[in-house]
N, C-alpha and C. Protein backbone atom coordinates (compact mmCIF):
# COMPACT_ATOMS: atom_id res chain seq x y z
N MET A 1 -4.98 -40.79 30.23
CA MET A 1 -4.28 -42.31 29.83
C MET A 1 -5.32 -42.84 28.67
N PHE A 2 -5.35 -43.56 28.27
CA PHE A 2 -6.20 -44.41 26.92
C PHE A 2 -6.28 -45.51 27.21
N GLN A 3 -7.19 -46.28 27.68
CA GLN A 3 -7.92 -47.76 27.72
C GLN A 3 -8.43 -48.74 26.72
N THR A 4 -7.87 -49.42 26.33
CA THR A 4 -8.28 -50.84 25.75
C THR A 4 -8.64 -51.62 26.49
N ARG A 5 -9.29 -52.30 25.79
CA ARG A 5 -9.31 -53.81 26.56
C ARG A 5 -10.01 -54.69 25.19
N ILE A 6 -9.38 -55.93 25.18
CA ILE A 6 -9.09 -56.45 23.91
C ILE A 6 -9.94 -58.03 24.37
N HIS A 7 -10.85 -58.28 23.83
CA HIS A 7 -11.91 -59.63 24.00
C HIS A 7 -11.78 -60.41 22.32
N GLY A 8 -11.55 -61.84 22.79
CA GLY A 8 -11.31 -62.67 22.02
C GLY A 8 -11.40 -64.53 22.62
N ARG A 9 -10.93 -65.15 21.39
CA ARG A 9 -10.86 -66.56 22.27
C ARG A 9 -8.96 -66.83 22.09
N GLY A 10 -9.13 -68.07 22.93
CA GLY A 10 -8.00 -68.36 22.98
C GLY A 10 -7.34 -68.47 21.31
N GLY A 11 -6.40 -68.56 21.01
CA GLY A 11 -5.43 -68.83 19.49
C GLY A 11 -5.70 -67.66 18.37
N GLN A 12 -6.09 -66.61 18.92
CA GLN A 12 -6.90 -65.33 17.93
C GLN A 12 -5.79 -64.39 17.60
N GLY A 13 -4.60 -64.39 18.91
CA GLY A 13 -3.90 -63.39 18.86
C GLY A 13 -4.46 -62.52 19.66
N VAL A 14 -4.78 -62.40 21.03
CA VAL A 14 -5.44 -61.40 21.55
C VAL A 14 -4.58 -60.95 22.82
N VAL A 15 -3.35 -61.69 23.00
CA VAL A 15 -2.24 -61.04 23.80
C VAL A 15 -1.30 -60.60 22.86
N THR A 16 -1.16 -61.11 21.66
CA THR A 16 -0.50 -60.38 21.19
C THR A 16 -0.81 -58.86 20.54
N ALA A 17 -2.43 -59.01 20.49
CA ALA A 17 -2.66 -57.70 19.75
C ALA A 17 -2.70 -56.91 20.83
N ALA A 18 -2.59 -56.74 22.18
CA ALA A 18 -2.45 -56.15 23.14
C ALA A 18 -0.85 -55.82 23.34
N GLU A 19 0.05 -56.50 23.32
CA GLU A 19 1.44 -56.17 23.14
C GLU A 19 1.72 -55.44 21.90
N LEU A 20 1.32 -55.45 20.62
CA LEU A 20 1.57 -54.38 19.38
C LEU A 20 0.73 -53.47 19.79
N LEU A 21 0.16 -53.38 20.12
CA LEU A 21 -0.68 -51.89 20.54
C LEU A 21 0.15 -50.94 21.14
N ALA A 22 0.67 -51.82 22.63
CA ALA A 22 1.42 -50.91 23.71
C ALA A 22 2.93 -51.05 22.97
N ALA A 23 3.30 -51.49 22.13
CA ALA A 23 4.66 -51.06 21.40
C ALA A 23 4.67 -50.23 20.24
N ALA A 24 3.27 -50.21 19.41
CA ALA A 24 3.18 -48.53 18.60
C ALA A 24 3.44 -47.81 19.64
N ALA A 25 2.06 -47.26 20.45
CA ALA A 25 2.09 -46.32 21.35
C ALA A 25 3.47 -46.15 22.11
N PHE A 26 4.18 -47.22 22.33
CA PHE A 26 5.57 -46.66 23.18
C PHE A 26 6.43 -46.07 22.55
N ALA A 27 6.30 -47.14 20.85
CA ALA A 27 7.45 -45.75 19.63
C ALA A 27 6.80 -44.82 19.42
N GLU A 28 5.81 -44.14 19.58
CA GLU A 28 5.46 -42.18 20.03
C GLU A 28 5.90 -41.92 20.47
N GLY A 29 6.59 -42.49 21.84
CA GLY A 29 6.79 -41.89 22.50
C GLY A 29 6.37 -41.85 23.91
N ARG A 30 5.06 -42.57 23.92
CA ARG A 30 4.09 -42.85 25.53
C ARG A 30 4.91 -43.96 26.17
N HIS A 31 4.21 -43.62 27.02
CA HIS A 31 4.03 -44.75 28.36
C HIS A 31 3.40 -45.62 27.87
N ALA A 32 3.54 -47.15 28.17
CA ALA A 32 2.57 -47.97 27.58
C ALA A 32 2.24 -49.66 28.63
N GLN A 33 1.44 -50.13 28.73
CA GLN A 33 1.67 -51.65 29.21
C GLN A 33 0.84 -52.41 28.64
N ALA A 34 1.24 -53.57 28.74
CA ALA A 34 -0.19 -54.71 28.25
C ALA A 34 -0.01 -55.75 29.13
N PHE A 35 -1.35 -56.73 29.29
CA PHE A 35 -1.26 -57.66 30.15
C PHE A 35 -2.48 -58.31 29.58
N PRO A 36 -2.50 -59.64 30.03
CA PRO A 36 -3.70 -60.42 29.67
C PRO A 36 -4.16 -61.04 31.14
N SER A 37 -5.21 -61.45 30.79
CA SER A 37 -6.52 -61.98 31.37
C SER A 37 -6.89 -63.24 31.25
N PHE A 38 -6.48 -64.30 32.15
CA PHE A 38 -6.99 -65.42 31.47
C PHE A 38 -7.76 -66.30 32.47
N GLY A 39 -8.44 -67.26 31.82
CA GLY A 39 -9.36 -68.14 33.03
C GLY A 39 -8.82 -69.54 32.17
N SER A 40 -9.17 -70.33 32.03
CA SER A 40 -8.60 -71.59 31.71
C SER A 40 -8.13 -71.40 30.33
N GLU A 41 -6.72 -71.68 29.94
CA GLU A 41 -5.65 -71.43 29.24
C GLU A 41 -5.91 -72.59 28.41
N ARG A 42 -7.16 -72.44 27.08
CA ARG A 42 -7.32 -73.51 26.29
C ARG A 42 -7.57 -72.70 24.47
N THR A 43 -7.23 -72.98 23.61
CA THR A 43 -7.67 -72.47 22.52
C THR A 43 -9.29 -72.84 22.37
N GLY A 44 -9.53 -71.85 22.13
CA GLY A 44 -11.26 -71.20 21.94
C GLY A 44 -12.09 -70.94 22.70
N ALA A 45 -10.73 -70.68 24.24
CA ALA A 45 -11.76 -70.30 25.57
C ALA A 45 -11.45 -68.51 25.29
N PRO A 46 -12.34 -67.85 26.05
CA PRO A 46 -12.66 -66.51 26.07
C PRO A 46 -11.73 -65.76 26.73
N VAL A 47 -10.82 -64.81 25.98
CA VAL A 47 -9.44 -64.39 26.78
C VAL A 47 -9.19 -63.14 26.34
N VAL A 48 -9.19 -62.29 27.98
CA VAL A 48 -9.07 -60.76 27.76
C VAL A 48 -7.87 -60.51 27.70
N ALA A 49 -7.19 -59.36 27.22
CA ALA A 49 -5.75 -58.48 27.05
C ALA A 49 -6.27 -57.12 27.41
N TYR A 50 -5.23 -56.52 27.98
CA TYR A 50 -5.35 -55.01 27.98
C TYR A 50 -4.55 -54.21 27.75
N CYS A 51 -4.45 -53.02 27.16
CA CYS A 51 -3.28 -51.92 27.15
C CYS A 51 -3.58 -50.58 27.46
N ARG A 52 -2.68 -50.10 28.19
CA ARG A 52 -2.85 -48.62 28.73
C ARG A 52 -1.39 -47.53 27.81
N PHE A 53 -2.14 -46.55 27.96
CA PHE A 53 -0.77 -45.97 27.27
C PHE A 53 -1.40 -44.59 27.60
N SER A 54 -0.18 -43.58 27.67
CA SER A 54 -0.18 -42.26 28.03
C SER A 54 0.54 -41.50 28.28
N ASP A 55 0.88 -40.26 28.13
CA ASP A 55 1.73 -39.34 28.43
C ASP A 55 2.56 -39.35 29.37
N ARG A 56 1.77 -39.72 30.21
CA ARG A 56 3.21 -39.67 31.74
C ARG A 56 2.78 -40.88 32.08
N PRO A 57 3.89 -41.67 33.01
CA PRO A 57 4.29 -42.50 33.86
C PRO A 57 2.64 -43.26 34.20
N ILE A 58 2.47 -44.94 33.53
CA ILE A 58 1.09 -45.14 34.05
C ILE A 58 1.39 -46.08 35.84
N ARG A 59 0.77 -45.98 36.74
CA ARG A 59 1.02 -46.32 38.05
C ARG A 59 0.02 -47.80 38.15
N SER A 60 -1.33 -47.52 37.54
CA SER A 60 -2.16 -48.60 37.50
C SER A 60 -1.94 -49.83 37.27
N ARG A 61 -1.93 -51.23 37.75
CA ARG A 61 -1.95 -52.76 37.02
C ARG A 61 -2.74 -53.37 37.44
N GLU A 62 -3.93 -52.89 37.62
CA GLU A 62 -5.49 -53.47 37.69
C GLU A 62 -5.89 -53.67 36.03
N PRO A 63 -6.70 -54.66 36.24
CA PRO A 63 -7.36 -55.04 34.70
C PRO A 63 -8.33 -54.00 34.13
N ILE A 64 -8.36 -53.41 33.14
CA ILE A 64 -8.75 -52.83 32.84
C ILE A 64 -10.55 -52.62 32.78
N VAL A 65 -11.64 -52.18 33.89
CA VAL A 65 -12.93 -51.96 33.91
C VAL A 65 -13.78 -50.49 33.46
N LEU A 66 -13.14 -50.09 33.31
CA LEU A 66 -13.59 -48.97 32.55
C LEU A 66 -12.82 -48.73 31.50
N PRO A 67 -12.83 -49.48 30.16
CA PRO A 67 -12.39 -48.96 28.90
C PRO A 67 -13.07 -47.51 27.82
N ASP A 68 -12.03 -47.01 27.57
CA ASP A 68 -11.74 -46.41 26.64
C ASP A 68 -12.40 -46.51 24.95
N ALA A 69 -12.12 -48.15 25.03
CA ALA A 69 -11.99 -48.61 23.59
C ALA A 69 -11.88 -49.97 23.71
N LEU A 70 -12.81 -50.66 22.85
CA LEU A 70 -12.67 -52.23 23.38
C LEU A 70 -12.50 -52.85 21.67
N ILE A 71 -11.71 -53.92 21.30
CA ILE A 71 -11.57 -54.46 20.27
C ILE A 71 -12.44 -55.90 20.81
N ILE A 72 -12.78 -56.34 19.64
CA ILE A 72 -14.09 -57.38 19.68
C ILE A 72 -13.16 -58.51 19.07
N GLN A 73 -11.88 -59.48 18.93
CA GLN A 73 -11.56 -60.65 18.21
C GLN A 73 -12.42 -61.26 17.32
N ASP A 74 -14.21 -61.56 18.61
CA ASP A 74 -14.80 -62.77 17.86
C ASP A 74 -16.00 -62.28 18.24
N ALA A 75 -16.84 -62.06 17.26
CA ALA A 75 -17.93 -61.73 17.42
C ALA A 75 -19.48 -63.00 18.24
N THR A 76 -18.75 -63.67 17.87
CA THR A 76 -19.87 -64.84 18.84
C THR A 76 -19.38 -64.50 20.68
N LEU A 77 -18.61 -63.88 21.10
CA LEU A 77 -18.60 -63.24 22.35
C LEU A 77 -19.59 -62.35 23.15
N LEU A 78 -19.86 -61.13 21.91
CA LEU A 78 -21.40 -60.49 22.10
C LEU A 78 -22.06 -60.78 22.94
N HIS A 79 -22.79 -61.80 22.78
CA HIS A 79 -24.12 -62.57 23.31
C HIS A 79 -23.58 -63.30 24.57
N GLN A 80 -22.37 -64.01 24.62
CA GLN A 80 -22.11 -64.47 25.54
C GLN A 80 -21.05 -63.99 26.96
N VAL A 81 -20.76 -62.74 26.49
CA VAL A 81 -19.85 -62.10 27.34
C VAL A 81 -20.43 -60.51 27.74
N ASP A 82 -20.05 -60.03 28.84
CA ASP A 82 -20.47 -58.72 29.31
C ASP A 82 -19.23 -57.83 28.29
N VAL A 83 -18.85 -57.98 27.14
CA VAL A 83 -17.94 -57.00 26.74
C VAL A 83 -18.16 -55.41 26.87
N PHE A 84 -19.46 -55.02 26.90
CA PHE A 84 -19.49 -53.94 26.88
C PHE A 84 -19.50 -53.28 28.35
N ALA A 85 -19.05 -53.89 28.95
CA ALA A 85 -19.16 -53.40 30.56
C ALA A 85 -18.10 -52.37 30.86
N GLY A 86 -18.76 -51.51 31.35
CA GLY A 86 -17.96 -50.13 31.69
C GLY A 86 -18.03 -49.30 30.79
N LEU A 87 -18.14 -49.88 29.27
CA LEU A 87 -17.88 -48.64 28.08
C LEU A 87 -18.54 -47.51 28.10
N PRO A 88 -18.21 -46.32 28.39
CA PRO A 88 -18.98 -45.25 28.47
C PRO A 88 -19.80 -44.92 26.96
N THR A 89 -20.55 -44.59 26.54
CA THR A 89 -21.18 -43.85 25.55
C THR A 89 -20.35 -43.06 24.49
N GLU A 90 -19.33 -42.34 25.20
CA GLU A 90 -17.97 -41.89 24.13
C GLU A 90 -17.16 -42.61 23.72
N GLY A 91 -16.76 -44.10 24.02
CA GLY A 91 -15.95 -44.83 23.66
C GLY A 91 -16.01 -45.61 22.08
N TYR A 92 -15.24 -46.30 22.25
CA TYR A 92 -14.70 -46.73 20.65
C TYR A 92 -15.18 -48.42 20.84
N VAL A 93 -15.67 -48.39 19.91
CA VAL A 93 -15.88 -50.22 19.63
C VAL A 93 -15.47 -50.50 18.17
N LEU A 94 -14.71 -52.03 17.77
CA LEU A 94 -14.08 -52.14 17.12
C LEU A 94 -14.66 -53.99 16.98
N VAL A 95 -15.30 -54.33 15.99
CA VAL A 95 -15.61 -55.51 15.84
C VAL A 95 -15.14 -55.87 14.94
N ASN A 96 -14.77 -57.67 15.33
CA ASN A 96 -14.61 -58.16 13.86
C ASN A 96 -15.23 -59.09 13.32
N THR A 97 -16.10 -58.60 12.20
CA THR A 97 -17.07 -58.90 11.46
C THR A 97 -17.44 -58.75 10.13
N ALA A 98 -18.32 -58.96 9.11
CA ALA A 98 -18.70 -58.73 8.49
C ALA A 98 -19.99 -57.89 8.00
N ARG A 99 -20.67 -58.28 9.53
CA ARG A 99 -22.44 -57.64 9.80
C ARG A 99 -22.23 -56.48 10.64
N SER A 100 -23.22 -55.42 10.35
CA SER A 100 -23.62 -54.65 10.93
C SER A 100 -23.72 -54.72 12.66
N PHE A 101 -24.01 -53.62 13.20
CA PHE A 101 -24.84 -53.62 14.82
C PHE A 101 -25.86 -53.96 14.87
N THR A 102 -26.61 -53.57 13.53
CA THR A 102 -27.87 -54.14 13.75
C THR A 102 -28.15 -55.66 13.20
N GLU A 103 -27.25 -55.77 12.55
CA GLU A 103 -27.54 -57.51 12.13
C GLU A 103 -26.73 -58.20 13.44
N LEU A 104 -25.89 -57.69 14.27
CA LEU A 104 -25.62 -58.78 15.11
C LEU A 104 -26.68 -58.72 16.16
N GLY A 105 -27.82 -57.60 16.63
CA GLY A 105 -28.72 -57.82 17.24
C GLY A 105 -28.26 -56.57 18.23
N LEU A 106 -27.47 -55.36 17.71
CA LEU A 106 -26.70 -54.40 18.83
C LEU A 106 -27.27 -53.28 18.45
N ALA A 107 -28.72 -53.12 17.84
CA ALA A 107 -29.24 -51.89 17.24
C ALA A 107 -29.78 -50.81 18.72
N GLU A 108 -29.81 -51.23 19.68
CA GLU A 108 -30.39 -50.83 20.77
C GLU A 108 -29.17 -50.50 21.82
N PHE A 109 -28.02 -51.05 21.67
CA PHE A 109 -26.77 -50.73 22.12
C PHE A 109 -26.53 -49.43 21.36
N THR A 110 -26.54 -49.02 20.22
CA THR A 110 -25.88 -48.29 19.33
C THR A 110 -26.83 -47.03 19.44
N ALA A 111 -27.81 -47.13 19.78
CA ALA A 111 -28.97 -45.81 19.73
C ALA A 111 -28.01 -44.84 20.56
N ASP A 112 -26.89 -45.19 21.82
CA ASP A 112 -26.58 -44.04 22.48
C ASP A 112 -25.20 -44.02 22.09
N HIS A 113 -24.76 -44.59 21.69
CA HIS A 113 -23.08 -44.01 21.01
C HIS A 113 -22.77 -43.18 20.12
N ARG A 114 -21.92 -42.23 19.73
CA ARG A 114 -21.37 -41.76 19.24
C ARG A 114 -21.20 -42.38 17.83
N GLU A 115 -21.66 -41.49 16.45
CA GLU A 115 -22.05 -42.54 14.92
C GLU A 115 -20.03 -42.20 14.93
N GLY A 116 -20.00 -43.15 14.31
CA GLY A 116 -18.17 -43.11 13.96
C GLY A 116 -17.17 -43.87 14.67
N ARG A 117 -18.36 -44.53 15.96
CA ARG A 117 -17.11 -44.61 17.10
C ARG A 117 -17.18 -46.00 17.26
N LEU A 118 -18.58 -46.55 16.58
CA LEU A 118 -18.61 -48.06 16.97
C LEU A 118 -18.85 -48.70 15.26
N LEU A 119 -17.65 -49.41 14.71
CA LEU A 119 -16.89 -50.16 13.68
C LEU A 119 -16.89 -51.50 13.59
N THR A 120 -17.36 -52.25 12.32
CA THR A 120 -16.89 -53.39 12.04
C THR A 120 -16.06 -53.71 11.23
N VAL A 121 -15.18 -54.65 11.06
CA VAL A 121 -14.21 -54.67 10.12
C VAL A 121 -14.24 -56.02 10.01
N PRO A 122 -13.95 -56.80 8.71
CA PRO A 122 -13.79 -58.35 8.66
C PRO A 122 -12.72 -58.78 8.76
N ALA A 123 -11.98 -58.43 9.85
CA ALA A 123 -10.31 -58.95 9.93
C ALA A 123 -9.97 -60.57 9.78
N THR A 124 -11.16 -61.12 9.95
CA THR A 124 -10.52 -62.42 9.91
C THR A 124 -10.88 -62.95 8.36
N ASP A 125 -11.35 -62.46 7.62
CA ASP A 125 -11.53 -62.51 6.11
C ASP A 125 -10.33 -61.59 5.32
N ILE A 126 -9.65 -60.46 6.15
CA ILE A 126 -8.54 -60.15 6.05
C ILE A 126 -7.87 -60.94 5.77
N ALA A 127 -7.22 -61.47 7.26
CA ALA A 127 -6.30 -62.46 7.81
C ALA A 127 -5.91 -63.64 6.68
N ARG A 128 -7.24 -64.45 6.63
CA ARG A 128 -7.33 -65.22 5.18
C ARG A 128 -6.72 -65.29 4.23
N ARG A 129 -7.04 -63.64 3.40
CA ARG A 129 -6.30 -63.50 2.19
C ARG A 129 -4.99 -63.32 2.31
N CYS A 130 -4.67 -62.63 3.33
CA CYS A 130 -2.91 -61.84 3.63
C CYS A 130 -1.98 -63.20 4.48
N LEU A 131 -2.52 -63.83 5.17
CA LEU A 131 -2.02 -64.62 5.79
C LEU A 131 -2.18 -66.13 5.66
N GLY A 132 -3.34 -66.53 5.16
CA GLY A 132 -3.58 -67.73 4.79
C GLY A 132 -4.40 -68.60 5.94
N LYS A 133 -4.24 -67.88 7.32
CA LYS A 133 -4.82 -68.15 8.42
C LYS A 133 -5.64 -67.10 8.87
N PRO A 134 -6.88 -68.20 10.00
CA PRO A 134 -8.23 -66.86 10.79
C PRO A 134 -7.45 -66.20 11.55
N VAL A 135 -6.14 -65.19 11.95
CA VAL A 135 -5.68 -64.91 12.82
C VAL A 135 -5.82 -63.20 12.73
N PRO A 136 -7.01 -62.97 12.93
CA PRO A 136 -7.45 -61.30 13.38
C PRO A 136 -6.83 -60.34 13.64
N ASN A 137 -5.76 -60.52 14.21
CA ASN A 137 -5.32 -59.47 15.24
C ASN A 137 -4.81 -58.46 15.01
N ALA A 138 -3.96 -58.48 13.31
CA ALA A 138 -2.91 -57.63 12.78
C ALA A 138 -4.18 -56.42 12.20
N ALA A 139 -4.78 -57.40 11.41
CA ALA A 139 -6.12 -56.84 11.04
C ALA A 139 -6.46 -55.50 11.54
N LEU A 140 -7.06 -56.25 13.19
CA LEU A 140 -7.98 -55.55 13.66
C LEU A 140 -7.15 -54.31 14.17
N LEU A 141 -6.24 -54.20 14.48
CA LEU A 141 -4.89 -52.84 15.01
C LEU A 141 -4.95 -51.86 13.64
N GLY A 142 -4.80 -52.27 12.84
CA GLY A 142 -4.38 -51.65 11.66
C GLY A 142 -6.19 -50.71 11.49
N GLY A 143 -7.14 -51.55 11.82
CA GLY A 143 -8.47 -50.96 11.78
C GLY A 143 -8.71 -49.98 12.97
N PHE A 144 -7.96 -50.12 13.89
CA PHE A 144 -8.02 -49.23 15.44
C PHE A 144 -7.74 -48.05 15.09
N ALA A 145 -6.78 -48.20 14.32
CA ALA A 145 -5.76 -47.44 14.22
C ALA A 145 -6.25 -46.00 12.88
N ALA A 146 -7.52 -46.42 12.09
CA ALA A 146 -8.21 -45.87 11.18
C ALA A 146 -9.12 -45.08 12.08
N MET A 147 -9.79 -45.94 12.92
CA MET A 147 -10.39 -45.24 13.43
C MET A 147 -10.63 -44.26 14.68
N THR A 148 -9.33 -44.66 15.57
CA THR A 148 -9.15 -43.75 16.27
C THR A 148 -8.30 -42.02 16.63
N ASP A 149 -7.31 -42.89 15.46
CA ASP A 149 -6.20 -41.84 15.25
C ASP A 149 -5.07 -41.68 16.42
N LEU A 150 -5.21 -42.61 17.22
CA LEU A 150 -4.60 -42.75 18.51
C LEU A 150 -2.96 -43.16 18.44
N VAL A 151 -3.16 -43.87 17.61
CA VAL A 151 -1.49 -44.84 16.84
C VAL A 151 -1.66 -44.33 15.86
N SER A 152 -0.21 -44.41 14.98
CA SER A 152 -0.71 -44.36 13.42
C SER A 152 -0.15 -45.72 12.80
N LEU A 153 -1.00 -45.77 11.90
CA LEU A 153 -0.44 -47.31 10.69
C LEU A 153 0.95 -47.33 11.02
N ASP A 154 1.64 -46.31 10.80
CA ASP A 154 3.02 -47.02 10.58
C ASP A 154 3.56 -47.43 11.58
N SER A 155 3.31 -46.96 13.09
CA SER A 155 3.43 -47.50 14.19
C SER A 155 2.94 -48.57 14.20
N VAL A 156 1.78 -48.83 14.14
CA VAL A 156 1.50 -50.60 14.15
C VAL A 156 2.12 -51.41 13.18
N VAL A 157 2.57 -50.67 11.98
CA VAL A 157 3.22 -51.49 10.84
C VAL A 157 4.26 -51.95 11.71
N ASP A 158 5.26 -51.07 11.81
CA ASP A 158 6.39 -50.98 12.61
C ASP A 158 6.56 -52.19 13.69
N ALA A 159 5.12 -52.09 15.04
CA ALA A 159 5.42 -52.93 15.83
C ALA A 159 5.38 -54.56 15.29
N ILE A 160 4.35 -54.63 14.05
CA ILE A 160 4.35 -56.26 13.51
C ILE A 160 5.58 -56.86 13.11
N ARG A 161 6.08 -55.49 12.18
CA ARG A 161 7.57 -55.89 11.45
C ARG A 161 8.82 -56.51 12.79
N GLN A 162 8.42 -55.47 13.92
CA GLN A 162 9.19 -56.08 15.15
C GLN A 162 9.05 -57.31 15.79
N ARG A 163 7.91 -57.78 15.40
CA ARG A 163 7.80 -58.88 16.10
C ARG A 163 7.90 -59.84 15.43
N PHE A 164 7.24 -60.18 14.47
CA PHE A 164 7.67 -60.87 13.12
C PHE A 164 8.61 -61.01 12.23
N ALA A 165 9.42 -61.40 12.08
CA ALA A 165 10.22 -61.81 10.73
C ALA A 165 9.73 -62.08 9.68
N GLY A 166 10.27 -61.74 8.42
CA GLY A 166 10.53 -61.79 7.31
C GLY A 166 8.65 -61.54 6.49
N GLY A 167 8.47 -62.92 5.71
CA GLY A 167 7.35 -62.87 5.02
C GLY A 167 6.22 -62.89 6.10
N LEU A 168 5.81 -63.58 7.36
CA LEU A 168 5.15 -63.16 8.01
C LEU A 168 5.04 -61.99 8.89
N GLY A 169 5.79 -61.34 8.43
CA GLY A 169 5.82 -60.05 9.36
C GLY A 169 5.50 -58.79 7.86
N ALA A 170 5.78 -59.09 6.92
CA ALA A 170 5.09 -58.61 5.93
C ALA A 170 3.70 -59.29 5.90
N ARG A 171 3.56 -60.24 5.67
CA ARG A 171 1.90 -60.74 5.20
C ARG A 171 1.14 -60.05 6.55
N ASN A 172 1.19 -59.90 8.18
CA ASN A 172 0.22 -59.56 9.17
C ASN A 172 0.62 -57.63 9.02
N ALA A 173 1.91 -57.31 8.16
CA ALA A 173 1.31 -55.63 8.07
C ALA A 173 0.84 -55.63 7.02
N GLU A 174 0.60 -56.30 6.03
CA GLU A 174 -0.66 -56.05 4.44
C GLU A 174 -1.61 -55.81 5.59
N ALA A 175 -2.07 -57.18 6.06
CA ALA A 175 -3.13 -57.28 6.93
C ALA A 175 -3.76 -56.20 7.45
N ALA A 176 -3.43 -55.94 8.44
CA ALA A 176 -3.28 -54.48 9.29
C ALA A 176 -3.85 -52.80 7.96
N ARG A 177 -2.61 -52.82 7.00
CA ARG A 177 -2.99 -51.61 6.16
C ARG A 177 -4.02 -52.19 5.24
N GLU A 178 -4.69 -52.87 4.58
CA GLU A 178 -5.52 -53.50 4.39
C GLU A 178 -7.30 -52.90 5.22
N ALA A 179 -7.10 -53.59 6.85
CA ALA A 179 -8.46 -53.18 7.29
C ALA A 179 -8.11 -52.00 7.55
N TYR A 180 -6.92 -51.17 7.55
CA TYR A 180 -6.89 -49.34 8.34
C TYR A 180 -7.82 -48.57 7.22
N ARG A 181 -7.64 -49.74 5.84
CA ARG A 181 -8.39 -48.92 4.70
C ARG A 181 -9.51 -49.33 4.42
N VAL A 182 -10.43 -50.33 4.98
CA VAL A 182 -11.56 -50.64 5.00
C VAL A 182 -12.30 -49.62 6.59
N VAL A 183 -11.45 -49.70 7.51
CA VAL A 183 -12.08 -48.18 8.30
C VAL A 183 -12.16 -47.16 7.91
N GLU A 184 -11.36 -47.12 7.40
CA GLU A 184 -10.91 -45.42 7.02
C GLU A 184 -12.34 -45.51 6.07
N ALA A 185 -12.42 -46.02 4.84
CA ALA A 185 -13.54 -45.66 3.76
C ALA A 185 -15.01 -46.17 4.99
N GLU A 186 -15.15 -46.41 5.86
CA GLU A 186 -16.15 -47.12 6.59
C GLU A 186 -16.29 -45.49 7.43
N ARG A 187 -15.55 -45.01 8.08
CA ARG A 187 -15.40 -43.72 9.00
C ARG A 187 -15.79 -42.52 7.79
N VAL A 188 -15.17 -42.49 7.01
CA VAL A 188 -15.19 -41.25 5.70
C VAL A 188 -16.98 -41.08 5.35
N PHE A 189 -17.47 -42.92 5.40
CA PHE A 189 -18.83 -42.81 4.85
C PHE A 189 -19.57 -42.24 5.68
N LEU A 190 -19.10 -42.68 7.14
CA LEU A 190 -20.42 -42.22 7.93
C LEU A 190 -19.77 -40.20 8.63
N GLY A 191 -19.09 -39.67 7.82
CA GLY A 191 -19.08 -38.35 8.28
C GLY A 191 -17.74 -37.72 8.43
N GLY A 192 -16.78 -39.26 8.68
CA GLY A 192 -16.09 -38.61 9.43
C GLY A 192 -15.24 -38.47 11.34
N ALA A 193 -16.31 -38.80 11.43
CA ALA A 193 -16.82 -39.06 12.92
C ALA A 193 -15.49 -39.72 13.53
N ARG A 194 -14.85 -39.08 14.71
CA ARG A 194 -14.04 -40.05 15.21
C ARG A 194 -14.20 -39.74 17.00
């Protein structure tokens, strides 16, 4: 079973990201589940959503405390919430930012982790270009597909197009494709490590 925890703020599409990731995995023939965890449900408040997928039925229903991957939709949470709790040194981390982990003050954290599994992508900038709005979730899912190879970009794009009709779906799909290209280029630069 592969478990992903998504951290962000209300209004950034955190819950939708988990649902789309589960839909992409399900479309590839896996069992999948997605669910949120809310505190105070207001725009800007920290939000966490979870996604699990597996080749076997999933019986677990509790929040993910030992994630295999983290998607951080808002870098301001890095020093406000313990987003890295439970992440093993082999875990994946994708952060929505144009800054490096060192610039984010996380050089010490990265020292113990496998190169190529800690990446950043300017998902909000990509979303603004493609959607005209700072909603980074679709772009981050494209980046996640490139970083992990656990779901295909095609499955992510199909999930997006099924969720959002017409032009909105097309623009979100383009954001996912652009982030995929950015992360793929970064991964290749780092030597292709997954």
